[in-house]
Amino acid sequence: ASPDAFFWSEGSYGFARYASPDAFFWSEGSYGFSRYASPDAFFWSEGSYGFSRYA
């Protein structure tokens, strides 16, 4: 993952910032998924914590 890639979650909501300002995600309940140019890019959050994975 790029050092510019990071995310944070607040409660059941979260936001992610990447190299592209157009890249973002939203969570539904305590879980969420985000898709970017790469279909392998996704994330999931649990409660007020989250994790992100990249190719």
Protein backbone atom coordinates (compact mmCIF):
# COMPACT_ATOMS: atom_id res chain seq x y z
CA ALA A 1 0.00 0.00 0.00
CA SER A 2 1.13 3.52 -0.74
CA PRO A 3 2.02 5.71 2.27
CA ASP A 4 -0.59 8.12 0.94
CA ALA A 5 -3.27 5.49 1.34
CA PHE A 6 -5.02 5.62 4.66
CA PHE A 7 -8.48 5.67 6.09
CA TRP A 8 -10.30 6.27 9.32
CA SER A 9 -13.72 5.30 10.56
CA GLU A 10 -16.08 7.00 12.98
CA GLY A 11 -18.59 4.69 14.58
CA SER A 12 -20.38 2.93 11.76
CA TYR A 13 -19.20 5.50 9.24
CA GLY A 14 -15.81 5.97 7.70
CA PHE A 15 -13.89 7.87 5.11
CA ALA A 16 -10.86 7.00 3.08
CA ARG A 17 -8.38 9.17 1.26
CA TYR A 18 -6.04 7.96 -1.44
CA ALA A 19 -3.78 9.47 -4.04
CA SER A 20 -6.89 10.44 -5.95
CA PRO A 21 -9.24 12.83 -4.12
CA ASP A 22 -12.08 11.24 -6.05
CA ALA A 23 -11.47 7.94 -4.29
CA PHE A 24 -13.68 7.48 -1.31
CA PHE A 25 -15.82 4.92 0.43
CA TRP A 26 -18.89 4.77 2.54
CA SER A 27 -19.99 2.15 5.04
CA GLU A 28 -23.41 0.75 5.71
CA GLY A 29 -23.88 -0.11 9.34
CA SER A 30 -20.56 -1.37 10.66
CA TYR A 31 -19.51 -2.78 7.30
CA GLY A 32 -18.64 -1.18 4.01
CA PHE A 33 -16.98 -1.81 0.73
CA SER A 34 -15.25 0.45 -1.70
CA ARG A 35 -14.22 -0.15 -5.29
CA TYR A 36 -11.54 1.72 -7.16
CA ALA A 37 -9.90 1.38 -10.54
CA SER A 38 -8.55 -1.95 -9.32
CA PRO A 39 -11.27 -4.50 -8.54
CA ASP A 40 -8.89 -5.99 -5.97
CA ALA A 41 -9.04 -2.82 -3.90
CA PHE A 42 -11.57 -3.06 -1.11
CA PHE A 43 -11.98 -2.40 2.56
CA TRP A 44 -14.13 -3.53 5.41
CA SER A 45 -14.78 -2.00 8.80
CA GLU A 46 -15.77 -3.60 12.08
CA GLY A 47 -17.44 -1.36 14.61
CA SER A 48 -15.34 1.78 14.90
CA TYR A 49 -12.30 0.04 13.46
CA GLY A 50 -11.50 -0.80 9.89
CA PHE A 51 -8.96 -2.36 7.65
CA SER A 52 -8.04 -1.74 4.06
CA ARG A 53 -6.48 -4.09 1.55
CA TYR A 54 -4.87 -3.42 -1.80
CA ALA A 55 -3.53 -5.54 -4.58
